[in-house]
C-alpha atoms as a PDB file:
ATOM      1  CA  MET A   1      -5.612  -3.473 -20.401  1.00  0.00           C
ATOM      2  CA  ALA A   2      -6.667  -2.027 -17.017  1.00  0.00           C
ATOM      3  CA  GLU A   3      -9.942  -2.995 -15.167  1.00  0.00           C
ATOM      4  CA  THR A   4     -11.764  -1.403 -12.541  1.00  0.00           C
ATOM      5  CA  VAL A   5     -14.173  -2.780 -10.247  1.00  0.00           C
ATOM      6  CA  GLU A   6     -16.301  -1.196  -7.629  1.00  0.00           C
ATOM      7  CA  ILE A   7     -16.382  -2.731  -4.022  1.00  0.00           C
ATOM      8  CA  ASN A   8     -17.529  -0.793  -0.957  1.00  0.00           C
ATOM      9  CA  GLY A   9     -17.499   2.606  -2.753  1.00  0.00           C
ATOM     10  CA  SER A  10     -13.891   2.263  -3.282  1.00  0.00           C
ATOM     11  CA  MET A  11     -12.675   1.401  -7.058  1.00  0.00           C
ATOM     12  CA  PHE A  12     -10.051  -0.977  -7.743  1.00  0.00           C
ATOM     13  CA  THR A  13      -8.191  -0.439 -10.815  1.00  0.00           C
ATOM     14  CA  THR A  14      -5.433  -3.251 -12.251  1.00  0.00           C
ATOM     15  CA  HIS A  15      -3.093  -2.113 -14.713  1.00  0.00           C
ATOM     16  CA  PRO A  16      -0.891  -5.187 -15.712  1.00  0.00           C
ATOM     17  CA  VAL A  17       2.448  -4.798 -16.645  1.00  0.00           C
ATOM     18  CA  ASN A  18       5.181  -6.750 -17.974  1.00  0.00           C
ATOM     19  CA  ILE A  19       7.343  -7.993 -15.183  1.00  0.00           C
ATOM     20  CA  GLU A  20      10.299  -8.439 -17.451  1.00  0.00           C
ATOM     21  CA  ASP A  21      10.453  -4.738 -17.274  1.00  0.00           C
ATOM     22  CA  PHE A  22      11.214  -4.313 -13.609  1.00  0.00           C
ATOM     23  CA  ALA A  23      13.342  -7.119 -13.259  1.00  0.00           C
ATOM     24  CA  ASN A  24      16.378  -5.803 -11.399  1.00  0.00           C
ATOM     25  CA  ASN A  25      15.056  -2.422 -11.858  1.00  0.00           C
ATOM     26  CA  GLU A  26      13.303  -0.687  -8.771  1.00  0.00           C
ATOM     27  CA  PRO A  27      13.300   2.864  -9.886  1.00  0.00           C
ATOM     28  CA  ALA A  28      11.495   1.626 -12.995  1.00  0.00           C
ATOM     29  CA  LEU A  29       8.529   0.234 -10.791  1.00  0.00           C
ATOM     30  CA  LYS A  30       8.906   3.274  -8.944  1.00  0.00           C
ATOM     31  CA  GLU A  31       8.658   5.548 -11.932  1.00  0.00           C
ATOM     32  CA  ARG A  32       5.699   3.522 -12.685  1.00  0.00           C
ATOM     33  CA  PHE A  33       3.851   4.190  -9.595  1.00  0.00           C
ATOM     34  CA  ASP A  34       4.904   7.828  -9.752  1.00  0.00           C
ATOM     35  CA  MET A  35       3.197   7.759 -13.218  1.00  0.00           C
ATOM     36  CA  TYR A  36      -0.347   6.426 -12.304  1.00  0.00           C
ATOM     37  CA  ARG A  37      -0.529   8.814  -9.466  1.00  0.00           C
ATOM     38  CA  LYS A  38       0.168  11.861 -11.683  1.00  0.00           C
ATOM     39  CA  GLU A  39      -2.468  10.040 -13.825  1.00  0.00           C
ATOM     40  CA  TYR A  40      -5.206   9.874 -11.283  1.00  0.00           C
ATOM     41  CA  LYS A  41      -4.453  13.247  -9.419  1.00  0.00           C
ATOM     42  CA  ASP A  42      -4.799  14.944 -12.912  1.00  0.00           C
ATOM     43  CA  ALA A  43      -8.256  12.809 -13.590  1.00  0.00           C
ATOM     44  CA  GLY A  44      -9.604  14.181 -10.007  1.00  0.00           C
ATOM     45  CA  LYS A  45      -9.004  10.754  -8.520  1.00  0.00           C
ATOM     46  CA  ASN A  46      -8.283  10.277  -4.537  1.00  0.00           C
ATOM     47  CA  ILE A  47      -5.766   7.119  -4.376  1.00  0.00           C
ATOM     48  CA  ILE A  48      -6.260   5.477  -1.053  1.00  0.00           C
ATOM     49  CA  ASN A  49      -3.788   2.612  -1.571  1.00  0.00           C
ATOM     50  CA  MET A  50      -1.305   1.091  -4.480  1.00  0.00           C
ATOM     51  CA  ASN A  51       0.227  -2.386  -4.456  1.00  0.00           C
ATOM     52  CA  THR A  52       1.719  -4.742  -6.895  1.00  0.00           C
ATOM     53  CA  TYR A  53       0.115  -8.287  -7.465  1.00  0.00           C
ATOM     54  CA  TYR A  54       0.761 -11.613  -8.899  1.00  0.00           C
ATOM     55  CA  ASN A  55      -1.577 -13.886 -10.372  1.00  0.00           C
ATOM     56  CA  SER A  56      -0.067 -17.222 -11.161  1.00  0.00           C
ATOM     57  CA  GLY A  57      -2.841 -18.220 -13.232  1.00  0.00           C
ATOM     58  CA  PHE A  58      -2.145 -21.967 -11.616  1.00  0.00           C
ATOM     59  CA  ASN A  59      -5.518 -23.640 -10.472  1.00  0.00           C
ATOM     60  CA  HIS A  60      -4.757 -25.149  -7.177  1.00  0.00           C
ATOM     61  CA  THR A  61      -8.196 -27.350  -7.268  1.00  0.00           C
ATOM     62  CA  THR A  62      -7.608 -28.586 -10.936  1.00  0.00           C
ATOM     63  CA  GLN A  63      -3.781 -28.509 -10.660  1.00  0.00           C
ATOM     64  CA  LYS A  64      -3.330 -26.939 -14.001  1.00  0.00           C
ATOM     65  CA  GLN A  65      -2.368 -23.913 -15.301  1.00  0.00           C
ATOM     66  CA  GLU A  66      -5.250 -22.288 -16.479  1.00  0.00           C
ATOM     67  CA  ASP A  67      -4.478 -18.586 -17.351  1.00  0.00           C
ATOM     68  CA  GLU A  68      -1.620 -16.695 -18.430  1.00  0.00           C
ATOM     69  CA  LYS A  69       0.590 -15.278 -15.394  1.00  0.00           C
ATOM     70  CA  GLU A  70      -0.207 -11.603 -14.815  1.00  0.00           C
ATOM     71  CA  PHE A  71       1.954  -8.997 -12.641  1.00  0.00           C
ATOM     72  CA  GLY A  72       0.792  -5.610 -12.130  1.00  0.00           C
ATOM     73  CA  ILE A  73      -0.032  -2.625 -10.211  1.00  0.00           C
ATOM     74  CA  GLU A  74      -3.556  -2.294  -8.052  1.00  0.00           C
ATOM     75  CA  VAL A  75      -4.909   1.411  -7.664  1.00  0.00           C
ATOM     76  CA  GLU A  76      -7.776   1.748  -5.133  1.00  0.00           C
ATOM     77  CA  TRP A  77      -9.343   5.182  -5.459  1.00  0.00           C
ATOM     78  CA  VAL A  78     -12.362   7.336  -4.988  1.00  0.00           C
ATOM     79  CA  TYR A  79     -13.620  10.364  -6.725  1.00  0.00           C
END
């Protein structure tokens, strides 16, 4: 499920994806970036930047695995 937050006038939307879908398959990841570029353009949103992200879910303070691992694509955009 995509989540969006606003920081300093830019919107940041994270799109979690299943990392297994992209293991050893870079073209599939590029296609996902292309898909998001088209979706945002069609919605009248101007993309500033796109990145992959990874959250291990590990809390280094407690030294425990507290959340699920998450891989995804983050889109920074404005209207």
